[in-house]
């Protein structure tokens, strides 16, 4: 599953396309440990951290720049006193692929793979956020839900990762214009 890396918040051109598993391994490793520790002392430094778009391949950091969607929904859960408790809940959900503490140390990123399509991303994201809320009691940040949203790298040696997570089947069907035209024949 490929994702797009960017040099930082202010950069819109990708630096590379790498596997999600590589991002996960780097977050678990000490690669960014010092940068994240510095960021936790001064949150203004977060804007200069490398970032990635977990939803797929982008030739430019914008919705129009998306070339390939991978079915990922990344929930941003903010203002947690104890993100480890929520991460433990995530580890019990078969559809959670990954959960890691954010650079601020007060949030959690939760990565979920779905059978959703680019065309119904908004409906899929809403469904996933609601299911996650029902299963954990944690509400995602409403401002961080578009398909081109970047996620900052972090350092979390206790990151939760389930390489065999279930693909979350979405019961929402969105008919595209192409589907409608096919139905006419």
N, C-alpha and C. Protein backbone atom coordinates (compact mmCIF):
# COMPACT_ATOMS: atom_id res chain seq x y z
N UNK A 1 0.85 -1.17 0.00
CA UNK A 1 0.00 0.00 0.00
C UNK A 1 0.90 1.24 0.00
N UNK A 2 0.89 1.96 -1.08
CA UNK A 2 1.74 3.13 -1.25
C UNK A 2 1.10 4.38 -0.65
N UNK A 3 1.95 5.23 -0.07
CA UNK A 3 1.55 6.53 0.45
C UNK A 3 2.54 7.56 -0.09
N UNK A 4 2.21 8.82 0.07
CA UNK A 4 3.03 9.91 -0.45
C UNK A 4 3.66 10.68 0.70
N UNK A 5 4.97 10.89 0.60
CA UNK A 5 5.71 11.66 1.61
C UNK A 5 5.94 13.09 1.11
N UNK A 6 5.91 14.02 2.06
CA UNK A 6 6.20 15.43 1.79
C UNK A 6 7.22 15.92 2.80
N UNK A 7 8.01 16.90 2.40
CA UNK A 7 9.08 17.41 3.26
C UNK A 7 8.54 18.06 4.53
N UNK A 8 7.38 18.70 4.42
CA UNK A 8 6.79 19.38 5.57
C UNK A 8 5.45 19.98 5.20
N UNK A 9 4.86 20.64 6.17
CA UNK A 9 3.52 21.22 6.00
C UNK A 9 3.42 22.17 4.82
N UNK A 10 4.45 22.96 4.56
CA UNK A 10 4.38 23.99 3.54
C UNK A 10 4.77 23.49 2.16
N UNK A 11 5.11 22.22 2.04
CA UNK A 11 5.55 21.65 0.78
C UNK A 11 4.40 20.88 0.12
N UNK A 12 4.16 21.15 -1.15
CA UNK A 12 3.05 20.51 -1.85
C UNK A 12 3.50 19.46 -2.87
N UNK A 13 4.77 19.44 -3.18
CA UNK A 13 5.30 18.44 -4.12
C UNK A 13 5.83 17.26 -3.32
N UNK A 14 5.51 16.04 -3.73
CA UNK A 14 5.97 14.87 -2.99
C UNK A 14 7.48 14.69 -3.06
N UNK A 15 8.02 14.12 -1.98
CA UNK A 15 9.45 13.78 -1.98
C UNK A 15 9.64 12.32 -2.40
N UNK A 16 8.66 11.47 -2.07
CA UNK A 16 8.75 10.05 -2.45
C UNK A 16 7.41 9.36 -2.22
N UNK A 17 7.30 8.19 -2.82
CA UNK A 17 6.15 7.30 -2.64
C UNK A 17 6.71 6.04 -1.98
N UNK A 18 6.20 5.72 -0.81
CA UNK A 18 6.72 4.55 -0.09
C UNK A 18 5.57 3.72 0.45
N UNK A 19 5.89 2.51 0.86
CA UNK A 19 4.88 1.63 1.45
C UNK A 19 4.48 2.12 2.83
N UNK A 20 3.22 1.96 3.16
CA UNK A 20 2.72 2.33 4.49
C UNK A 20 3.53 1.59 5.56
N UNK A 21 3.91 0.36 5.28
CA UNK A 21 4.68 -0.42 6.27
C UNK A 21 6.01 0.25 6.59
N UNK A 22 6.61 0.95 5.63
CA UNK A 22 7.86 1.67 5.88
C UNK A 22 7.63 2.85 6.82
N UNK A 23 6.54 3.56 6.62
CA UNK A 23 6.18 4.68 7.51
C UNK A 23 6.01 4.14 8.93
N UNK A 24 5.29 3.05 9.04
CA UNK A 24 5.01 2.45 10.35
C UNK A 24 6.33 2.07 11.04
N UNK A 25 7.22 1.44 10.30
CA UNK A 25 8.50 1.04 10.89
C UNK A 25 9.32 2.26 11.32
N UNK A 26 9.29 3.32 10.53
CA UNK A 26 10.05 4.53 10.89
C UNK A 26 9.47 5.20 12.14
N UNK A 27 8.14 5.18 12.29
CA UNK A 27 7.51 5.76 13.48
C UNK A 27 7.87 4.94 14.71
N UNK A 28 7.96 3.63 14.57
CA UNK A 28 8.35 2.77 15.70
C UNK A 28 9.84 2.92 16.04
N UNK A 29 10.64 3.21 15.04
CA UNK A 29 12.10 3.31 15.25
C UNK A 29 12.45 4.65 15.89
N UNK A 30 13.73 4.87 16.08
CA UNK A 30 14.20 6.14 16.63
C UNK A 30 14.52 7.18 15.57
N UNK A 31 14.16 6.88 14.32
CA UNK A 31 14.51 7.77 13.21
C UNK A 31 14.13 9.23 13.48
N UNK A 32 12.93 9.47 13.99
CA UNK A 32 12.45 10.82 14.22
C UNK A 32 12.32 11.16 15.71
N UNK A 33 12.90 10.33 16.53
CA UNK A 33 12.75 10.49 17.98
C UNK A 33 13.13 11.89 18.45
N UNK A 34 14.31 12.37 18.08
CA UNK A 34 14.77 13.67 18.56
C UNK A 34 13.87 14.80 18.05
N UNK A 35 13.48 14.74 16.78
CA UNK A 35 12.59 15.78 16.23
C UNK A 35 11.26 15.80 16.97
N UNK A 36 10.73 14.63 17.30
CA UNK A 36 9.44 14.57 18.00
C UNK A 36 9.60 15.05 19.44
N UNK A 37 10.68 14.70 20.09
CA UNK A 37 10.92 15.19 21.46
C UNK A 37 11.02 16.71 21.45
N UNK A 38 11.71 17.28 20.46
CA UNK A 38 11.80 18.73 20.32
C UNK A 38 10.42 19.34 20.08
N UNK A 39 9.65 18.68 19.27
CA UNK A 39 8.29 19.15 18.95
C UNK A 39 7.40 19.14 20.19
N UNK A 40 7.55 18.13 21.02
CA UNK A 40 6.73 18.04 22.23
C UNK A 40 7.07 19.14 23.23
N UNK A 41 8.26 19.69 23.13
CA UNK A 41 8.66 20.83 23.96
C UNK A 41 8.18 22.14 23.37
N UNK A 42 8.05 22.17 22.03
CA UNK A 42 7.64 23.39 21.32
C UNK A 42 6.80 22.97 20.11
N UNK A 43 5.47 22.97 20.26
CA UNK A 43 4.58 22.47 19.21
C UNK A 43 4.68 23.24 17.90
N UNK A 44 5.24 24.44 17.91
CA UNK A 44 5.41 25.19 16.66
C UNK A 44 6.34 24.46 15.70
N UNK A 45 7.18 23.59 16.22
CA UNK A 45 8.12 22.84 15.39
C UNK A 45 7.42 21.75 14.57
N UNK A 46 6.20 21.45 14.92
CA UNK A 46 5.46 20.40 14.20
C UNK A 46 5.33 20.72 12.72
N UNK A 47 5.16 21.97 12.39
CA UNK A 47 4.97 22.38 10.99
C UNK A 47 6.17 22.03 10.10
N UNK A 48 7.30 21.74 10.71
CA UNK A 48 8.52 21.43 9.95
C UNK A 48 8.83 19.94 9.92
N UNK A 49 7.93 19.14 10.48
CA UNK A 49 8.13 17.69 10.45
C UNK A 49 7.76 17.14 9.08
N UNK A 50 8.40 16.06 8.65
CA UNK A 50 7.95 15.37 7.44
C UNK A 50 6.50 14.91 7.64
N UNK A 51 5.78 14.78 6.55
CA UNK A 51 4.39 14.35 6.63
C UNK A 51 4.07 13.44 5.46
N UNK A 52 2.91 12.80 5.54
CA UNK A 52 2.51 11.86 4.49
C UNK A 52 1.01 11.88 4.32
N UNK A 53 0.56 11.44 3.16
CA UNK A 53 -0.87 11.29 2.90
C UNK A 53 -1.15 9.79 2.92
N UNK A 54 -1.77 9.29 3.97
CA UNK A 54 -2.01 7.85 4.09
C UNK A 54 -3.03 7.30 3.10
N UNK A 55 -3.77 8.18 2.44
CA UNK A 55 -4.84 7.73 1.54
C UNK A 55 -4.38 7.32 0.15
N UNK A 56 -3.10 7.54 -0.18
CA UNK A 56 -2.66 7.08 -1.49
C UNK A 56 -1.56 7.89 -2.13
N UNK A 57 -1.56 7.85 -3.45
CA UNK A 57 -0.53 8.48 -4.26
C UNK A 57 -1.04 9.84 -4.77
N UNK A 58 -0.21 10.87 -4.55
CA UNK A 58 -0.54 12.22 -4.99
C UNK A 58 0.63 12.77 -5.78
N UNK A 59 0.33 13.45 -6.90
CA UNK A 59 1.41 14.13 -7.63
C UNK A 59 1.56 15.56 -7.14
N UNK A 60 0.60 16.01 -6.33
CA UNK A 60 0.56 17.34 -5.73
C UNK A 60 -0.35 17.22 -4.52
N UNK A 61 -0.02 17.92 -3.46
CA UNK A 61 -0.82 17.78 -2.25
C UNK A 61 -2.11 18.59 -2.34
N UNK A 62 -3.10 17.97 -2.97
CA UNK A 62 -4.44 18.55 -3.11
C UNK A 62 -5.36 17.42 -3.54
N UNK A 63 -6.64 17.63 -3.41
CA UNK A 63 -7.61 16.61 -3.85
C UNK A 63 -7.43 16.33 -5.33
N UNK A 64 -7.23 17.38 -6.12
CA UNK A 64 -7.04 17.21 -7.57
C UNK A 64 -5.75 16.47 -7.90
N UNK A 65 -4.79 16.48 -6.99
CA UNK A 65 -3.50 15.83 -7.22
C UNK A 65 -3.49 14.34 -6.95
N UNK A 66 -4.62 13.79 -6.50
CA UNK A 66 -4.65 12.36 -6.18
C UNK A 66 -4.62 11.53 -7.46
N UNK A 67 -3.72 10.58 -7.50
CA UNK A 67 -3.61 9.65 -8.63
C UNK A 67 -4.17 8.27 -8.31
N UNK A 68 -4.07 7.87 -7.05
CA UNK A 68 -4.53 6.53 -6.68
C UNK A 68 -4.97 6.53 -5.22
N UNK A 69 -6.19 6.06 -4.99
CA UNK A 69 -6.72 5.94 -3.62
C UNK A 69 -6.56 4.50 -3.17
N UNK A 70 -6.13 4.31 -1.92
CA UNK A 70 -5.87 2.97 -1.41
C UNK A 70 -6.91 2.43 -0.43
N UNK A 71 -8.00 3.16 -0.21
CA UNK A 71 -9.05 2.70 0.69
C UNK A 71 -8.83 3.07 2.15
N UNK A 72 -7.76 3.78 2.46
CA UNK A 72 -7.44 4.11 3.85
C UNK A 72 -8.26 5.30 4.34
N UNK A 73 -8.69 5.18 5.59
CA UNK A 73 -9.25 6.29 6.34
C UNK A 73 -8.33 6.47 7.54
N UNK A 74 -7.87 7.70 7.76
CA UNK A 74 -7.02 7.99 8.91
C UNK A 74 -7.79 8.93 9.83
N UNK A 75 -8.15 8.42 10.99
CA UNK A 75 -8.87 9.23 11.96
C UNK A 75 -7.87 9.96 12.86
N UNK A 76 -8.16 11.21 13.14
CA UNK A 76 -7.34 12.03 14.02
C UNK A 76 -8.12 12.25 15.30
N UNK A 77 -7.63 11.69 16.39
CA UNK A 77 -8.30 11.83 17.68
C UNK A 77 -7.43 12.75 18.53
N UNK A 78 -7.96 13.90 18.92
CA UNK A 78 -7.19 14.92 19.64
C UNK A 78 -7.59 15.02 21.11
N UNK A 79 -6.78 15.78 21.84
CA UNK A 79 -7.05 16.15 23.23
C UNK A 79 -7.27 14.94 24.14
N UNK A 80 -6.36 13.99 24.06
CA UNK A 80 -6.43 12.81 24.91
C UNK A 80 -5.45 12.96 26.07
N UNK A 81 -5.92 12.73 27.27
CA UNK A 81 -5.01 12.74 28.42
C UNK A 81 -4.13 11.50 28.40
N UNK A 82 -4.70 10.38 27.93
CA UNK A 82 -3.95 9.12 27.91
C UNK A 82 -4.19 8.39 26.59
N UNK A 83 -3.42 8.74 25.56
CA UNK A 83 -3.63 8.10 24.25
C UNK A 83 -3.38 6.59 24.29
N UNK A 84 -2.56 6.12 25.22
CA UNK A 84 -2.26 4.69 25.31
C UNK A 84 -3.50 3.87 25.61
N UNK A 85 -4.42 4.43 26.39
CA UNK A 85 -5.67 3.72 26.71
C UNK A 85 -6.50 3.53 25.45
N UNK A 86 -6.60 4.57 24.63
CA UNK A 86 -7.35 4.44 23.38
C UNK A 86 -6.62 3.50 22.42
N UNK A 87 -5.30 3.56 22.40
CA UNK A 87 -4.53 2.66 21.54
C UNK A 87 -4.81 1.20 21.93
N UNK A 88 -4.94 0.95 23.22
CA UNK A 88 -5.26 -0.41 23.69
C UNK A 88 -6.64 -0.85 23.18
N UNK A 89 -7.60 0.06 23.19
CA UNK A 89 -8.92 -0.25 22.64
C UNK A 89 -8.81 -0.56 21.14
N UNK A 90 -7.99 0.21 20.45
CA UNK A 90 -7.79 0.00 19.01
C UNK A 90 -7.24 -1.40 18.73
N UNK A 91 -6.38 -1.86 19.59
CA UNK A 91 -5.75 -3.17 19.38
C UNK A 91 -6.76 -4.32 19.45
N UNK A 92 -7.91 -4.05 19.99
CA UNK A 92 -8.96 -5.07 20.12
C UNK A 92 -9.97 -5.03 18.96
N UNK A 93 -9.83 -4.03 18.09
CA UNK A 93 -10.76 -3.89 16.96
C UNK A 93 -10.13 -4.53 15.72
N UNK A 94 -10.78 -5.51 15.13
CA UNK A 94 -10.18 -6.23 14.00
C UNK A 94 -9.94 -5.37 12.77
N UNK A 95 -10.62 -4.24 12.67
CA UNK A 95 -10.49 -3.40 11.47
C UNK A 95 -9.43 -2.29 11.61
N UNK A 96 -8.80 -2.16 12.75
CA UNK A 96 -7.76 -1.14 12.92
C UNK A 96 -6.42 -1.73 12.49
N UNK A 97 -5.82 -1.10 11.48
CA UNK A 97 -4.52 -1.54 10.99
C UNK A 97 -3.39 -0.97 11.84
N UNK A 98 -3.54 0.29 12.27
CA UNK A 98 -2.44 0.95 12.96
C UNK A 98 -2.99 2.07 13.84
N UNK A 99 -2.33 2.29 14.97
CA UNK A 99 -2.65 3.43 15.83
C UNK A 99 -1.35 3.90 16.47
N UNK A 100 -1.10 5.21 16.38
CA UNK A 100 0.12 5.74 16.98
C UNK A 100 -0.13 7.12 17.58
N UNK A 101 0.66 7.43 18.60
CA UNK A 101 0.58 8.70 19.30
C UNK A 101 1.12 9.81 18.39
N UNK A 102 0.44 10.93 18.39
CA UNK A 102 0.79 12.07 17.54
C UNK A 102 2.02 12.81 18.08
N UNK A 103 2.60 13.71 17.28
CA UNK A 103 3.76 14.47 17.74
C UNK A 103 3.51 15.29 19.02
N UNK A 104 2.27 15.69 19.26
CA UNK A 104 1.97 16.47 20.47
C UNK A 104 1.95 15.61 21.72
N UNK A 105 1.83 14.30 21.55
CA UNK A 105 1.67 13.29 22.62
C UNK A 105 0.28 13.32 23.25
N UNK A 106 -0.61 14.12 22.69
CA UNK A 106 -1.97 14.24 23.24
C UNK A 106 -3.05 13.77 22.26
N UNK A 107 -2.64 13.07 21.21
CA UNK A 107 -3.59 12.60 20.22
C UNK A 107 -3.19 11.24 19.70
N UNK A 108 -4.06 10.68 18.88
CA UNK A 108 -3.82 9.37 18.29
C UNK A 108 -4.25 9.40 16.83
N UNK A 109 -3.43 8.84 15.97
CA UNK A 109 -3.79 8.62 14.57
C UNK A 109 -4.21 7.16 14.46
N UNK A 110 -5.34 6.93 13.83
CA UNK A 110 -5.87 5.58 13.69
C UNK A 110 -6.09 5.31 12.21
N UNK A 111 -5.40 4.30 11.69
CA UNK A 111 -5.46 3.98 10.27
C UNK A 111 -6.30 2.74 10.07
N UNK A 112 -7.30 2.88 9.20
CA UNK A 112 -8.27 1.82 8.93
C UNK A 112 -8.37 1.64 7.42
N UNK A 113 -8.29 0.39 6.97
CA UNK A 113 -8.42 0.10 5.54
C UNK A 113 -9.86 -0.32 5.27
N UNK A 114 -10.45 0.27 4.24
CA UNK A 114 -11.85 -0.02 3.89
C UNK A 114 -11.94 -0.51 2.45
N UNK A 115 -13.16 -0.89 2.07
CA UNK A 115 -13.43 -1.22 0.67
C UNK A 115 -13.99 0.00 -0.07
N UNK A 116 -13.84 1.17 0.53
CA UNK A 116 -14.37 2.40 -0.07
C UNK A 116 -13.64 2.79 -1.34
N UNK A 117 -14.29 3.62 -2.09
CA UNK A 117 -13.75 4.15 -3.35
C UNK A 117 -13.56 5.65 -3.20
N UNK A 118 -12.74 6.19 -4.07
CA UNK A 118 -12.50 7.63 -4.05
C UNK A 118 -13.82 8.41 -4.17
N UNK A 119 -14.71 7.92 -5.01
CA UNK A 119 -15.98 8.61 -5.28
C UNK A 119 -16.88 8.71 -4.06
N UNK A 120 -16.74 7.78 -3.11
CA UNK A 120 -17.62 7.85 -1.94
C UNK A 120 -16.82 8.07 -0.65
N UNK A 121 -15.65 8.70 -0.78
CA UNK A 121 -14.76 8.91 0.37
C UNK A 121 -15.48 9.60 1.53
N UNK A 122 -16.21 10.64 1.27
CA UNK A 122 -16.87 11.37 2.36
C UNK A 122 -17.84 10.50 3.15
N UNK A 123 -18.64 9.73 2.44
CA UNK A 123 -19.59 8.85 3.10
C UNK A 123 -18.87 7.75 3.88
N UNK A 124 -17.80 7.22 3.29
CA UNK A 124 -17.01 6.18 3.96
C UNK A 124 -16.35 6.74 5.21
N UNK A 125 -15.77 7.92 5.11
CA UNK A 125 -15.11 8.54 6.26
C UNK A 125 -16.11 8.77 7.39
N UNK A 126 -17.29 9.25 7.05
CA UNK A 126 -18.33 9.46 8.07
C UNK A 126 -18.75 8.14 8.73
N UNK A 127 -18.93 7.10 7.91
CA UNK A 127 -19.30 5.78 8.44
C UNK A 127 -18.22 5.26 9.39
N UNK A 128 -16.95 5.35 8.98
CA UNK A 128 -15.84 4.85 9.80
C UNK A 128 -15.75 5.65 11.11
N UNK A 129 -15.86 6.96 11.03
CA UNK A 129 -15.79 7.80 12.23
C UNK A 129 -16.91 7.44 13.21
N UNK A 130 -18.11 7.21 12.68
CA UNK A 130 -19.24 6.86 13.55
C UNK A 130 -19.05 5.48 14.17
N UNK A 131 -18.59 4.51 13.39
CA UNK A 131 -18.34 3.15 13.91
C UNK A 131 -17.27 3.19 14.99
N UNK A 132 -16.20 3.95 14.73
CA UNK A 132 -15.12 4.07 15.71
C UNK A 132 -15.62 4.71 17.00
N UNK A 133 -16.45 5.73 16.87
CA UNK A 133 -17.05 6.38 18.04
C UNK A 133 -17.89 5.38 18.84
N UNK A 134 -18.71 4.61 18.15
CA UNK A 134 -19.53 3.60 18.83
C UNK A 134 -18.69 2.53 19.51
N UNK A 135 -17.59 2.13 18.87
CA UNK A 135 -16.76 1.04 19.40
C UNK A 135 -15.80 1.49 20.51
N UNK A 136 -15.43 2.79 20.52
CA UNK A 136 -14.42 3.24 21.49
C UNK A 136 -14.85 4.41 22.35
N UNK A 137 -15.87 5.15 21.92
CA UNK A 137 -16.27 6.36 22.63
C UNK A 137 -15.42 7.57 22.24
N UNK A 138 -14.49 7.39 21.30
CA UNK A 138 -13.60 8.48 20.89
C UNK A 138 -14.09 9.12 19.59
N UNK A 139 -14.15 10.45 19.61
CA UNK A 139 -14.63 11.20 18.45
C UNK A 139 -13.45 11.79 17.69
N UNK A 140 -13.46 11.65 16.38
CA UNK A 140 -12.40 12.19 15.54
C UNK A 140 -12.55 13.70 15.37
N UNK A 141 -11.43 14.33 15.05
CA UNK A 141 -11.40 15.75 14.79
C UNK A 141 -12.14 16.01 13.48
N UNK A 142 -13.22 16.78 13.54
CA UNK A 142 -14.03 17.06 12.34
C UNK A 142 -13.30 17.84 11.28
N UNK A 143 -12.24 18.54 11.65
CA UNK A 143 -11.52 19.35 10.68
C UNK A 143 -10.47 18.58 9.89
N UNK A 144 -10.27 17.33 10.24
CA UNK A 144 -9.19 16.54 9.61
C UNK A 144 -9.76 15.32 8.90
N UNK A 145 -10.59 15.56 7.91
CA UNK A 145 -11.24 14.41 7.29
C UNK A 145 -11.25 14.41 5.77
N UNK A 146 -10.51 15.32 5.13
CA UNK A 146 -10.52 15.29 3.67
C UNK A 146 -9.50 14.27 3.14
N UNK A 147 -9.70 13.84 1.94
CA UNK A 147 -8.92 12.76 1.34
C UNK A 147 -7.45 13.12 1.13
N UNK A 148 -7.13 14.40 1.02
CA UNK A 148 -5.75 14.83 0.79
C UNK A 148 -5.06 15.28 2.08
N UNK A 149 -5.67 15.03 3.21
CA UNK A 149 -5.14 15.49 4.50
C UNK A 149 -3.79 14.84 4.80
N UNK A 150 -2.83 15.65 5.17
CA UNK A 150 -1.52 15.12 5.55
C UNK A 150 -1.54 14.67 7.00
N UNK A 151 -0.64 13.77 7.31
CA UNK A 151 -0.42 13.33 8.69
C UNK A 151 1.06 13.52 8.97
N UNK A 152 1.38 14.10 10.11
CA UNK A 152 2.78 14.29 10.47
C UNK A 152 3.37 12.97 10.94
N UNK A 153 4.64 12.79 10.66
CA UNK A 153 5.32 11.62 11.20
C UNK A 153 5.36 11.77 12.72
N UNK A 154 5.71 10.72 13.41
CA UNK A 154 5.78 10.78 14.86
C UNK A 154 6.83 9.79 15.33
N UNK A 155 6.94 9.66 16.62
CA UNK A 155 7.79 8.64 17.22
C UNK A 155 6.95 7.94 18.27
N UNK A 156 6.70 6.66 18.05
CA UNK A 156 5.91 5.87 18.99
C UNK A 156 6.40 4.43 18.93
N UNK A 157 7.38 4.08 19.79
CA UNK A 157 7.91 2.72 19.78
C UNK A 157 6.86 1.67 20.16
N UNK A 158 5.75 2.11 20.76
CA UNK A 158 4.68 1.18 21.13
C UNK A 158 3.50 1.25 20.17
N UNK A 159 3.76 1.79 18.99
CA UNK A 159 2.74 1.87 17.94
C UNK A 159 2.05 0.52 17.79
N UNK A 160 0.72 0.55 17.63
CA UNK A 160 -0.02 -0.69 17.38
C UNK A 160 -0.09 -0.91 15.88
N UNK A 161 0.22 -2.12 15.44
CA UNK A 161 0.15 -2.46 14.02
C UNK A 161 -0.39 -3.88 13.87
N UNK A 162 -1.43 -4.02 13.07
CA UNK A 162 -1.99 -5.33 12.75
C UNK A 162 -1.91 -5.51 11.24
N UNK A 163 -0.89 -6.22 10.81
CA UNK A 163 -0.66 -6.45 9.38
C UNK A 163 -1.79 -7.25 8.74
N UNK A 164 -2.56 -7.94 9.56
CA UNK A 164 -3.67 -8.77 9.06
C UNK A 164 -5.03 -8.18 9.43
N UNK A 165 -5.08 -6.87 9.58
CA UNK A 165 -6.36 -6.25 9.95
C UNK A 165 -7.41 -6.53 8.88
N UNK A 166 -8.63 -6.61 9.31
CA UNK A 166 -9.74 -6.83 8.39
C UNK A 166 -10.01 -5.57 7.60
N UNK A 167 -10.39 -5.73 6.36
CA UNK A 167 -10.85 -4.59 5.56
C UNK A 167 -12.26 -4.28 6.03
N UNK A 168 -12.47 -3.06 6.44
CA UNK A 168 -13.78 -2.65 6.93
C UNK A 168 -14.72 -2.49 5.74
N UNK A 169 -15.69 -3.38 5.69
CA UNK A 169 -16.68 -3.35 4.60
C UNK A 169 -17.68 -2.23 4.87
N UNK A 170 -17.87 -1.39 3.90
CA UNK A 170 -18.76 -0.25 4.03
C UNK A 170 -20.10 -0.57 3.36
N UNK A 171 -21.18 -0.51 4.12
CA UNK A 171 -22.48 -0.83 3.55
C UNK A 171 -23.11 0.29 2.75
N UNK A 172 -22.35 1.33 2.47
CA UNK A 172 -22.87 2.48 1.73
C UNK A 172 -22.53 2.29 0.26
N UNK A 173 -23.52 2.42 -0.59
CA UNK A 173 -23.28 2.35 -2.02
C UNK A 173 -23.56 3.71 -2.62
N UNK A 174 -22.60 4.22 -3.33
CA UNK A 174 -22.76 5.49 -4.02
C UNK A 174 -22.72 5.20 -5.51
N UNK A 175 -23.74 5.63 -6.20
CA UNK A 175 -23.80 5.41 -7.63
C UNK A 175 -23.15 6.57 -8.35
N UNK A 176 -22.16 6.26 -9.15
CA UNK A 176 -21.49 7.30 -9.92
C UNK A 176 -22.26 7.54 -11.21
N UNK A 177 -21.96 8.61 -11.89
CA UNK A 177 -22.60 8.91 -13.18
C UNK A 177 -22.33 7.78 -14.18
N UNK A 178 -21.13 7.21 -14.15
CA UNK A 178 -20.79 6.11 -15.05
C UNK A 178 -21.68 4.90 -14.77
N UNK A 179 -21.91 4.60 -13.49
CA UNK A 179 -22.78 3.47 -13.12
C UNK A 179 -24.21 3.71 -13.64
N UNK A 180 -24.68 4.95 -13.48
CA UNK A 180 -26.03 5.29 -13.93
C UNK A 180 -26.16 5.07 -15.44
N UNK A 181 -25.14 5.47 -16.19
CA UNK A 181 -25.19 5.32 -17.63
C UNK A 181 -25.18 3.83 -18.02
N UNK A 182 -24.44 3.02 -17.30
CA UNK A 182 -24.40 1.58 -17.59
C UNK A 182 -25.75 0.92 -17.31
N UNK A 183 -26.44 1.42 -16.25
CA UNK A 183 -27.73 0.84 -15.91
C UNK A 183 -28.78 1.10 -16.99
N UNK A 184 -28.57 2.11 -17.82
CA UNK A 184 -29.55 2.47 -18.83
C UNK A 184 -29.55 1.46 -19.99
N UNK A 185 -28.48 0.68 -20.13
CA UNK A 185 -28.38 -0.26 -21.25
C UNK A 185 -28.81 -1.64 -20.88
